[in-house]
């Protein structure tokens, strides 16, 4: 994995930990508040996971320069 993908993975892990804290440490929040918070964070994590997917695919693609002999 490149530095970019490693950074994305760390952000995903931090986002998941943030979700765990939201659920575990909110003693006075209502179920509705927790559900909304979890939903927002899940959407964000989904976006980050797709970003990681595309970054990994991009790394895996072999790139060779194409030169044209056209004039």
C-alpha atoms as a PDB file:
ATOM      1  CA  UNK A   1       0.000   0.000   0.000  1.00  0.00           C
ATOM      2  CA  UNK A   2       1.166   3.499  -0.747  1.00  0.00           C
ATOM      3  CA  UNK A   3       1.362   6.338   1.731  1.00  0.00           C
ATOM      4  CA  UNK A   4      -1.944   7.658   0.386  1.00  0.00           C
ATOM      5  CA  UNK A   5      -3.797   4.375   0.928  1.00  0.00           C
ATOM      6  CA  UNK A   6      -2.244   3.933   4.370  1.00  0.00           C
ATOM      7  CA  UNK A   7      -3.532   7.380   5.307  1.00  0.00           C
ATOM      8  CA  UNK A   8      -7.018   6.491   4.076  1.00  0.00           C
ATOM      9  CA  UNK A   9      -6.952   3.257   6.120  1.00  0.00           C
ATOM     10  CA  UNK A  10      -5.965   5.203   9.238  1.00  0.00           C
ATOM     11  CA  UNK A  11      -8.811   7.669   8.647  1.00  0.00           C
ATOM     12  CA  UNK A  12     -11.265   4.784   8.256  1.00  0.00           C
ATOM     13  CA  UNK A  13     -10.087   3.205  11.499  1.00  0.00           C
ATOM     14  CA  UNK A  14     -10.347   6.541  13.297  1.00  0.00           C
ATOM     15  CA  UNK A  15     -13.876   7.007  11.918  1.00  0.00           C
ATOM     16  CA  UNK A  16     -14.914   3.578  13.138  1.00  0.00           C
ATOM     17  CA  UNK A  17     -13.460   4.270  16.588  1.00  0.00           C
ATOM     18  CA  UNK A  18     -15.357   7.563  16.632  1.00  0.00           C
ATOM     19  CA  UNK A  19     -18.564   5.660  15.943  1.00  0.00           C
ATOM     20  CA  UNK A  20     -17.834   3.264  18.797  1.00  0.00           C
ATOM     21  CA  UNK A  21     -17.269   6.205  21.155  1.00  0.00           C
ATOM     22  CA  UNK A  22     -20.531   7.799  20.002  1.00  0.00           C
ATOM     23  CA  UNK A  23     -22.465   4.652  20.887  1.00  0.00           C
ATOM     24  CA  UNK A  24     -20.635   3.710  24.084  1.00  0.00           C
ATOM     25  CA  UNK A  25     -20.143   7.085  25.747  1.00  0.00           C
ATOM     26  CA  UNK A  26     -23.486   8.794  25.148  1.00  0.00           C
ATOM     27  CA  UNK A  27     -25.410   8.027  28.300  1.00  0.00           C
ATOM     28  CA  UNK A  28     -28.065  10.736  27.871  1.00  0.00           C
ATOM     29  CA  UNK A  29     -28.624  10.702  24.109  1.00  0.00           C
ATOM     30  CA  UNK A  30     -31.856   9.364  22.710  1.00  0.00           C
ATOM     31  CA  UNK A  31     -31.982   6.410  20.332  1.00  0.00           C
ATOM     32  CA  UNK A  32     -32.929   8.845  17.560  1.00  0.00           C
ATOM     33  CA  UNK A  33     -29.841  10.999  18.178  1.00  0.00           C
ATOM     34  CA  UNK A  34     -27.546   7.988  18.225  1.00  0.00           C
ATOM     35  CA  UNK A  35     -29.135   6.531  15.098  1.00  0.00           C
ATOM     36  CA  UNK A  36     -28.685   9.812  13.212  1.00  0.00           C
ATOM     37  CA  UNK A  37     -25.070  10.101  14.338  1.00  0.00           C
ATOM     38  CA  UNK A  38     -24.290   6.512  13.392  1.00  0.00           C
ATOM     39  CA  UNK A  39     -26.005   6.928  10.013  1.00  0.00           C
ATOM     40  CA  UNK A  40     -23.974  10.056   9.199  1.00  0.00           C
ATOM     41  CA  UNK A  41     -20.753   8.334  10.166  1.00  0.00           C
ATOM     42  CA  UNK A  42     -21.596   5.163   8.230  1.00  0.00           C
ATOM     43  CA  UNK A  43     -22.190   7.262   5.100  1.00  0.00           C
ATOM     44  CA  UNK A  44     -18.863   8.986   5.638  1.00  0.00           C
ATOM     45  CA  UNK A  45     -17.079   5.666   6.168  1.00  0.00           C
ATOM     46  CA  UNK A  46     -18.693   4.306   3.011  1.00  0.00           C
ATOM     47  CA  UNK A  47     -17.274   7.224   1.051  1.00  0.00           C
ATOM     48  CA  UNK A  48     -13.840   6.675   2.542  1.00  0.00           C
ATOM     49  CA  UNK A  49     -13.997   2.953   1.778  1.00  0.00           C
ATOM     50  CA  UNK A  50     -14.862   3.688  -1.850  1.00  0.00           C
ATOM     51  CA  UNK A  51     -11.974   6.158  -1.982  1.00  0.00           C
ATOM     52  CA  UNK A  52      -9.685   3.403  -0.664  1.00  0.00           C
ATOM     53  CA  UNK A  53     -11.069   0.946  -3.219  1.00  0.00           C
ATOM     54  CA  UNK A  54     -10.342   3.303  -6.121  1.00  0.00           C
ATOM     55  CA  UNK A  55      -6.898   4.192  -4.752  1.00  0.00           C
ATOM     56  CA  UNK A  56      -6.002   0.493  -4.485  1.00  0.00           C
ATOM     57  CA  UNK A  57      -7.322  -0.182  -7.993  1.00  0.00           C
ATOM     58  CA  UNK A  58      -5.328   2.748  -9.303  1.00  0.00           C
ATOM     59  CA  UNK A  59      -2.149   1.383  -7.697  1.00  0.00           C
ATOM     60  CA  UNK A  60      -2.791  -2.056  -9.167  1.00  0.00           C
ATOM     61  CA  UNK A  61      -3.213  -0.788 -12.731  1.00  0.00           C
ATOM     62  CA  UNK A  62      -0.063  -0.978 -14.737  1.00  0.00           C
ATOM     63  CA  UNK A  63       0.605   2.287 -16.457  1.00  0.00           C
ATOM     64  CA  UNK A  64       2.753   2.467 -19.532  1.00  0.00           C
ATOM     65  CA  UNK A  65       3.212   5.675 -21.461  1.00  0.00           C
ATOM     66  CA  UNK A  66       1.686   5.725 -24.900  1.00  0.00           C
ATOM     67  CA  UNK A  67       3.631   7.481 -27.580  1.00  0.00           C
ATOM     68  CA  UNK A  68       2.085   8.381 -30.858  1.00  0.00           C
ATOM     69  CA  UNK A  69       4.029   8.509 -34.108  1.00  0.00           C
ATOM     70  CA  UNK A  70       1.433  10.790 -35.659  1.00  0.00           C
ATOM     71  CA  UNK A  71       2.530  14.138 -37.047  1.00  0.00           C
END
